[in-house]
PDB file of all heavy atoms in Angstrom:
ATOM      1  N   TRP A   1     -32.034  18.233  16.561  1.00  0.00           N
ATOM      2  CA  TRP A   1     -32.088  17.648  17.912  1.00  0.00           C
ATOM      3  C   TRP A   1     -32.330  18.742  18.995  1.00  0.00           C
ATOM      4  O   TRP A   1     -32.486  18.404  20.166  1.00  0.00           O
ATOM      5  CB  TRP A   1     -30.738  16.955  18.196  1.00  0.00           C
ATOM      6  CG  TRP A   1     -30.651  15.673  17.413  1.00  0.00           C
ATOM      7  CD1 TRP A   1     -30.096  15.534  16.178  1.00  0.00           C
ATOM      8  CD2 TRP A   1     -31.151  14.433  17.805  1.00  0.00           C
ATOM      9  NE1 TRP A   1     -30.159  14.181  15.811  1.00  0.00           N
ATOM     10  CE2 TRP A   1     -30.792  13.495  16.766  1.00  0.00           C
ATOM     11  CE3 TRP A   1     -31.768  13.928  18.973  1.00  0.00           C
ATOM     12  CZ2 TRP A   1     -31.134  12.124  16.852  1.00  0.00           C
ATOM     13  CZ3 TRP A   1     -32.113  12.584  18.992  1.00  0.00           C
ATOM     14  CH2 TRP A   1     -31.811  11.709  17.995  1.00  0.00           C
ATOM     15  N   GLY A   2     -32.361  19.964  18.616  1.00  0.00           N
ATOM     16  CA  GLY A   2     -32.760  21.025  19.517  1.00  0.00           C
ATOM     17  C   GLY A   2     -31.718  21.350  20.603  1.00  0.00           C
ATOM     18  O   GLY A   2     -32.024  21.568  21.734  1.00  0.00           O
ATOM     19  N   PHE A   3     -30.437  21.432  20.222  1.00  0.00           N
ATOM     20  CA  PHE A   3     -29.435  21.857  21.157  1.00  0.00           C
ATOM     21  C   PHE A   3     -28.684  23.044  20.566  1.00  0.00           C
ATOM     22  O   PHE A   3     -28.703  23.265  19.364  1.00  0.00           O
ATOM     23  CB  PHE A   3     -28.390  20.714  21.400  1.00  0.00           C
ATOM     24  CG  PHE A   3     -27.517  20.311  20.223  1.00  0.00           C
ATOM     25  CD1 PHE A   3     -26.351  20.919  19.955  1.00  0.00           C
ATOM     26  CD2 PHE A   3     -27.991  19.296  19.362  1.00  0.00           C
ATOM     27  CE1 PHE A   3     -25.563  20.569  18.863  1.00  0.00           C
ATOM     28  CE2 PHE A   3     -27.196  18.934  18.247  1.00  0.00           C
ATOM     29  CZ  PHE A   3     -25.974  19.593  18.017  1.00  0.00           C
ATOM     30  N   ASP A   4     -28.036  23.862  21.426  1.00  0.00           N
ATOM     31  CA  ASP A   4     -27.253  24.965  20.979  1.00  0.00           C
ATOM     32  C   ASP A   4     -25.831  24.847  21.383  1.00  0.00           C
ATOM     33  O   ASP A   4     -25.423  23.812  22.011  1.00  0.00           O
ATOM     34  CB  ASP A   4     -27.843  26.282  21.477  1.00  0.00           C
ATOM     35  CG  ASP A   4     -27.973  26.307  23.018  1.00  0.00           C
ATOM     36  OD1 ASP A   4     -27.117  25.723  23.675  1.00  0.00           O
ATOM     37  OD2 ASP A   4     -28.866  26.996  23.511  1.00  0.00           O
ATOM     38  N   LYS A   5     -24.989  25.852  21.110  1.00  0.00           N
ATOM     39  CA  LYS A   5     -23.553  25.715  21.378  1.00  0.00           C
ATOM     40  C   LYS A   5     -23.224  25.512  22.818  1.00  0.00           C
ATOM     41  O   LYS A   5     -22.223  24.890  23.190  1.00  0.00           O
ATOM     42  CB  LYS A   5     -22.880  27.001  20.886  1.00  0.00           C
ATOM     43  CG  LYS A   5     -22.772  27.097  19.380  1.00  0.00           C
ATOM     44  CD  LYS A   5     -22.000  28.373  18.969  1.00  0.00           C
ATOM     45  CE  LYS A   5     -21.856  28.489  17.460  1.00  0.00           C
ATOM     46  NZ  LYS A   5     -21.090  29.690  17.054  1.00  0.00           N
ATOM     47  N   THR A   6     -24.061  26.010  23.723  1.00  0.00           N
ATOM     48  CA  THR A   6     -23.791  25.896  25.151  1.00  0.00           C
ATOM     49  C   THR A   6     -23.903  24.462  25.641  1.00  0.00           C
ATOM     50  O   THR A   6     -23.371  24.060  26.694  1.00  0.00           O
ATOM     51  CB  THR A   6     -24.802  26.738  25.951  1.00  0.00           C
ATOM     52  OG1 THR A   6     -26.136  26.246  25.722  1.00  0.00           O
ATOM     53  CG2 THR A   6     -24.701  28.227  25.579  1.00  0.00           C
ATOM     54  N   LYS A   7     -24.544  23.606  24.837  1.00  0.00           N
ATOM     55  CA  LYS A   7     -24.713  22.161  25.211  1.00  0.00           C
ATOM     56  C   LYS A   7     -23.478  21.364  24.779  1.00  0.00           C
ATOM     57  O   LYS A   7     -23.239  20.281  25.376  1.00  0.00           O
ATOM     58  CB  LYS A   7     -26.010  21.630  24.448  1.00  0.00           C
ATOM     59  CG  LYS A   7     -26.270  20.136  24.678  1.00  0.00           C
ATOM     60  CD  LYS A   7     -26.887  19.852  26.073  1.00  0.00           C
ATOM     61  CE  LYS A   7     -27.289  18.405  26.156  1.00  0.00           C
ATOM     62  NZ  LYS A   7     -27.806  18.106  27.518  1.00  0.00           N
ATOM     63  N   ILE A   8     -22.682  21.931  23.930  1.00  0.00           N
ATOM     64  CA  ILE A   8     -21.554  21.094  23.330  1.00  0.00           C
ATOM     65  C   ILE A   8     -20.454  21.046  24.326  1.00  0.00           C
ATOM     66  O   ILE A   8     -19.952  22.085  24.841  1.00  0.00           O
ATOM     67  CB  ILE A   8     -21.120  21.693  21.989  1.00  0.00           C
ATOM     68  CG1 ILE A   8     -22.274  21.644  20.984  1.00  0.00           C
ATOM     69  CG2 ILE A   8     -19.892  20.915  21.509  1.00  0.00           C
ATOM     70  CD1 ILE A   8     -21.955  22.359  19.681  1.00  0.00           C
ATOM     71  N   GLU A   9     -19.906  19.830  24.563  1.00  0.00           N
ATOM     72  CA  GLU A   9     -18.716  19.656  25.363  1.00  0.00           C
ATOM     73  C   GLU A   9     -17.570  19.447  24.485  1.00  0.00           C
ATOM     74  O   GLU A   9     -17.374  18.492  23.768  1.00  0.00           O
ATOM     75  CB  GLU A   9     -18.924  18.376  26.228  1.00  0.00           C
ATOM     76  CG  GLU A   9     -20.105  18.459  27.184  1.00  0.00           C
ATOM     77  CD  GLU A   9     -20.426  17.118  27.900  1.00  0.00           C
ATOM     78  OE1 GLU A   9     -19.531  16.666  28.606  1.00  0.00           O
ATOM     79  OE2 GLU A   9     -21.581  16.652  27.801  1.00  0.00           O
ATOM     80  N   GLU A  10     -16.710  20.500  24.443  1.00  0.00           N
ATOM     81  CA  GLU A  10     -15.558  20.572  23.528  1.00  0.00           C
ATOM     82  C   GLU A  10     -14.355  19.775  24.115  1.00  0.00           C
ATOM     83  O   GLU A  10     -13.948  20.035  25.229  1.00  0.00           O
ATOM     84  CB  GLU A  10     -15.158  22.019  23.238  1.00  0.00           C
ATOM     85  CG  GLU A  10     -16.218  22.854  22.528  1.00  0.00           C
ATOM     86  CD  GLU A  10     -16.125  22.670  21.007  1.00  0.00           C
ATOM     87  OE1 GLU A  10     -15.271  21.931  20.534  1.00  0.00           O
ATOM     88  OE2 GLU A  10     -16.953  23.268  20.317  1.00  0.00           O
ATOM     89  N   LEU A  11     -13.767  18.902  23.322  1.00  0.00           N
ATOM     90  CA  LEU A  11     -12.542  18.202  23.732  1.00  0.00           C
ATOM     91  C   LEU A  11     -11.344  19.112  23.503  1.00  0.00           C
ATOM     92  O   LEU A  11     -11.327  19.972  22.655  1.00  0.00           O
ATOM     93  CB  LEU A  11     -12.417  16.886  22.918  1.00  0.00           C
ATOM     94  CG  LEU A  11     -13.140  15.670  23.385  1.00  0.00           C
ATOM     95  CD1 LEU A  11     -14.635  15.886  23.373  1.00  0.00           C
ATOM     96  CD2 LEU A  11     -12.711  14.435  22.572  1.00  0.00           C
ATOM     97  N   GLY A  12     -10.291  18.869  24.307  1.00  0.00           N
ATOM     98  CA  GLY A  12      -9.034  19.577  24.103  1.00  0.00           C
ATOM     99  C   GLY A  12      -8.413  19.186  22.760  1.00  0.00           C
ATOM    100  O   GLY A  12      -8.773  18.212  22.146  1.00  0.00           O
ATOM    101  N   LYS A  13      -7.435  19.987  22.356  1.00  0.00           N
ATOM    102  CA  LYS A  13      -6.823  19.827  21.088  1.00  0.00           C
ATOM    103  C   LYS A  13      -6.340  18.396  20.819  1.00  0.00           C
ATOM    104  O   LYS A  13      -6.519  17.795  19.701  1.00  0.00           O
ATOM    105  CB  LYS A  13      -5.611  20.773  20.884  1.00  0.00           C
ATOM    106  CG  LYS A  13      -4.895  20.608  19.536  1.00  0.00           C
ATOM    107  CD  LYS A  13      -3.664  21.581  19.474  1.00  0.00           C
ATOM    108  CE  LYS A  13      -2.927  21.345  18.197  1.00  0.00           C
ATOM    109  NZ  LYS A  13      -1.680  22.167  18.135  1.00  0.00           N
ATOM    110  N   ASN A  14      -5.636  17.767  21.741  1.00  0.00           N
ATOM    111  CA  ASN A  14      -5.154  16.420  21.580  1.00  0.00           C
ATOM    112  C   ASN A  14      -5.929  15.326  22.358  1.00  0.00           C
ATOM    113  O   ASN A  14      -5.490  14.226  22.398  1.00  0.00           O
ATOM    114  CB  ASN A  14      -3.645  16.416  21.998  1.00  0.00           C
ATOM    115  CG  ASN A  14      -2.784  17.142  21.029  1.00  0.00           C
ATOM    116  OD1 ASN A  14      -2.803  16.882  19.857  1.00  0.00           O
ATOM    117  ND2 ASN A  14      -1.983  18.068  21.535  1.00  0.00           N
ATOM    118  N   ASP A  15      -7.022  15.726  22.976  1.00  0.00           N
ATOM    119  CA  ASP A  15      -7.900  14.783  23.636  1.00  0.00           C
ATOM    120  C   ASP A  15      -8.636  13.948  22.539  1.00  0.00           C
ATOM    121  O   ASP A  15      -8.786  14.393  21.374  1.00  0.00           O
ATOM    122  CB  ASP A  15      -8.946  15.468  24.478  1.00  0.00           C
ATOM    123  CG  ASP A  15      -8.361  16.165  25.716  1.00  0.00           C
ATOM    124  OD1 ASP A  15      -7.167  16.081  25.899  1.00  0.00           O
ATOM    125  OD2 ASP A  15      -9.116  16.784  26.451  1.00  0.00           O
ATOM    126  N   PHE A  16      -9.047  12.796  22.918  1.00  0.00           N
ATOM    127  CA  PHE A  16      -9.854  11.964  22.010  1.00  0.00           C
ATOM    128  C   PHE A  16     -10.674  10.929  22.773  1.00  0.00           C
ATOM    129  O   PHE A  16     -10.338  10.575  23.868  1.00  0.00           O
ATOM    130  CB  PHE A  16      -9.001  11.259  20.963  1.00  0.00           C
ATOM    131  CG  PHE A  16      -8.016  10.217  21.501  1.00  0.00           C
ATOM    132  CD1 PHE A  16      -8.357   8.903  21.650  1.00  0.00           C
ATOM    133  CD2 PHE A  16      -6.711  10.617  21.866  1.00  0.00           C
ATOM    134  CE1 PHE A  16      -7.477   7.985  22.150  1.00  0.00           C
ATOM    135  CE2 PHE A  16      -5.846   9.667  22.355  1.00  0.00           C
ATOM    136  CZ  PHE A  16      -6.174   8.330  22.486  1.00  0.00           C
ATOM    137  N   PHE A  17     -11.795  10.626  22.198  1.00  0.00           N
ATOM    138  CA  PHE A  17     -12.644   9.515  22.717  1.00  0.00           C
ATOM    139  C   PHE A  17     -12.261   8.236  21.985  1.00  0.00           C
ATOM    140  O   PHE A  17     -11.960   8.213  20.792  1.00  0.00           O
ATOM    141  CB  PHE A  17     -14.141   9.783  22.460  1.00  0.00           C
ATOM    142  CG  PHE A  17     -14.834  10.519  23.583  1.00  0.00           C
ATOM    143  CD1 PHE A  17     -15.283  11.824  23.392  1.00  0.00           C
ATOM    144  CD2 PHE A  17     -14.989   9.912  24.826  1.00  0.00           C
ATOM    145  CE1 PHE A  17     -15.998  12.462  24.411  1.00  0.00           C
ATOM    146  CE2 PHE A  17     -15.673  10.548  25.830  1.00  0.00           C
ATOM    147  CZ  PHE A  17     -16.146  11.820  25.632  1.00  0.00           C
ATOM    148  N   MET A  18     -12.212   7.176  22.719  1.00  0.00           N
ATOM    149  CA  MET A  18     -12.130   5.796  22.174  1.00  0.00           C
ATOM    150  C   MET A  18     -13.234   4.923  22.883  1.00  0.00           C
ATOM    151  O   MET A  18     -13.679   5.284  23.933  1.00  0.00           O
ATOM    152  CB  MET A  18     -10.747   5.242  22.461  1.00  0.00           C
ATOM    153  CG  MET A  18     -10.357   5.029  23.884  1.00  0.00           C
ATOM    154  SD  MET A  18      -8.758   4.208  24.130  1.00  0.00           S
ATOM    155  CE  MET A  18      -9.247   2.476  23.825  1.00  0.00           C
ATOM    156  N   PRO A  19     -13.544   3.812  22.236  1.00  0.00           N
ATOM    157  CA  PRO A  19     -14.530   2.943  22.928  1.00  0.00           C
ATOM    158  C   PRO A  19     -13.947   2.413  24.243  1.00  0.00           C
ATOM    159  O   PRO A  19     -12.693   2.240  24.374  1.00  0.00           O
ATOM    160  CB  PRO A  19     -14.745   1.801  21.885  1.00  0.00           C
ATOM    161  CG  PRO A  19     -14.315   2.437  20.588  1.00  0.00           C
ATOM    162  CD  PRO A  19     -13.164   3.380  20.928  1.00  0.00           C
ATOM    163  N   GLY A  20     -14.881   2.011  25.154  1.00  0.00           N
ATOM    164  CA  GLY A  20     -14.375   1.372  26.365  1.00  0.00           C
ATOM    165  C   GLY A  20     -13.669   0.057  26.055  1.00  0.00           C
ATOM    166  O   GLY A  20     -13.977  -0.581  25.022  1.00  0.00           O
ATOM    167  N   MET A  21     -12.745  -0.299  26.897  1.00  0.00           N
ATOM    168  CA  MET A  21     -11.953  -1.523  26.678  1.00  0.00           C
ATOM    169  C   MET A  21     -12.669  -2.733  27.293  1.00  0.00           C
ATOM    170  O   MET A  21     -13.365  -2.625  28.295  1.00  0.00           O
ATOM    171  CB  MET A  21     -10.568  -1.391  27.181  1.00  0.00           C
ATOM    172  CG  MET A  21      -9.729  -0.421  26.368  1.00  0.00           C
ATOM    173  SD  MET A  21      -7.982  -0.292  26.787  1.00  0.00           S
ATOM    174  CE  MET A  21      -8.086   0.770  28.245  1.00  0.00           C
ATOM    175  N   ILE A  22     -12.508  -3.903  26.665  1.00  0.00           N
ATOM    176  CA  ILE A  22     -13.217  -5.101  27.017  1.00  0.00           C
ATOM    177  C   ILE A  22     -12.289  -6.143  27.541  1.00  0.00           C
ATOM    178  O   ILE A  22     -11.335  -6.605  26.854  1.00  0.00           O
ATOM    179  CB  ILE A  22     -13.976  -5.704  25.792  1.00  0.00           C
ATOM    180  CG1 ILE A  22     -14.674  -4.596  24.967  1.00  0.00           C
ATOM    181  CG2 ILE A  22     -14.932  -6.775  26.222  1.00  0.00           C
ATOM    182  CD1 ILE A  22     -15.710  -3.824  25.658  1.00  0.00           C
ATOM    183  N   ASP A  23     -12.477  -6.596  28.795  1.00  0.00           N
ATOM    184  CA  ASP A  23     -11.658  -7.666  29.420  1.00  0.00           C
ATOM    185  C   ASP A  23     -12.449  -8.925  29.261  1.00  0.00           C
ATOM    186  O   ASP A  23     -13.394  -9.116  30.044  1.00  0.00           O
ATOM    187  CB  ASP A  23     -11.300  -7.323  30.823  1.00  0.00           C
ATOM    188  CG  ASP A  23     -10.207  -8.241  31.364  1.00  0.00           C
ATOM    189  OD1 ASP A  23     -10.019  -9.324  30.835  1.00  0.00           O
ATOM    190  OD2 ASP A  23      -9.542  -7.847  32.339  1.00  0.00           O
ATOM    191  N   THR A  24     -12.068  -9.770  28.324  1.00  0.00           N
ATOM    192  CA  THR A  24     -12.895 -10.968  28.064  1.00  0.00           C
ATOM    193  C   THR A  24     -12.555 -12.154  29.014  1.00  0.00           C
ATOM    194  O   THR A  24     -13.154 -13.193  28.912  1.00  0.00           O
ATOM    195  CB  THR A  24     -12.723 -11.440  26.636  1.00  0.00           C
ATOM    196  OG1 THR A  24     -11.295 -11.666  26.333  1.00  0.00           O
ATOM    197  CG2 THR A  24     -13.243 -10.353  25.642  1.00  0.00           C
ATOM    198  N   HIS A  25     -11.555 -11.925  29.853  1.00  0.00           N
ATOM    199  CA  HIS A  25     -11.189 -13.027  30.822  1.00  0.00           C
ATOM    200  C   HIS A  25     -10.427 -12.485  32.013  1.00  0.00           C
ATOM    201  O   HIS A  25      -9.276 -12.077  31.895  1.00  0.00           O
ATOM    202  CB  HIS A  25     -10.368 -14.081  30.107  1.00  0.00           C
ATOM    203  CG  HIS A  25     -10.031 -15.269  30.987  1.00  0.00           C
ATOM    204  ND1 HIS A  25     -10.977 -16.175  31.400  1.00  0.00           N
ATOM    205  CD2 HIS A  25      -8.877 -15.614  31.587  1.00  0.00           C
ATOM    206  CE1 HIS A  25     -10.419 -17.114  32.174  1.00  0.00           C
ATOM    207  NE2 HIS A  25      -9.111 -16.764  32.275  1.00  0.00           N
ATOM    208  N   ILE A  26     -11.100 -12.460  33.175  1.00  0.00           N
ATOM    209  CA  ILE A  26     -10.455 -11.911  34.394  1.00  0.00           C
ATOM    210  C   ILE A  26     -11.021 -12.625  35.589  1.00  0.00           C
ATOM    211  O   ILE A  26     -12.218 -12.817  35.723  1.00  0.00           O
ATOM    212  CB  ILE A  26     -10.682 -10.339  34.512  1.00  0.00           C
ATOM    213  CG1 ILE A  26     -10.162  -9.853  35.818  1.00  0.00           C
ATOM    214  CG2 ILE A  26     -12.124  -9.981  34.268  1.00  0.00           C
ATOM    215  CD1 ILE A  26     -10.125  -8.310  35.866  1.00  0.00           C
TER     216      ILE A  26
END
């Protein structure tokens, strides 16, 4: 993909990504 280490966004030790939440009725 043509990226190097400077492109990487490192998460903190206990950080995490989760999918966005879906409100099916509001």
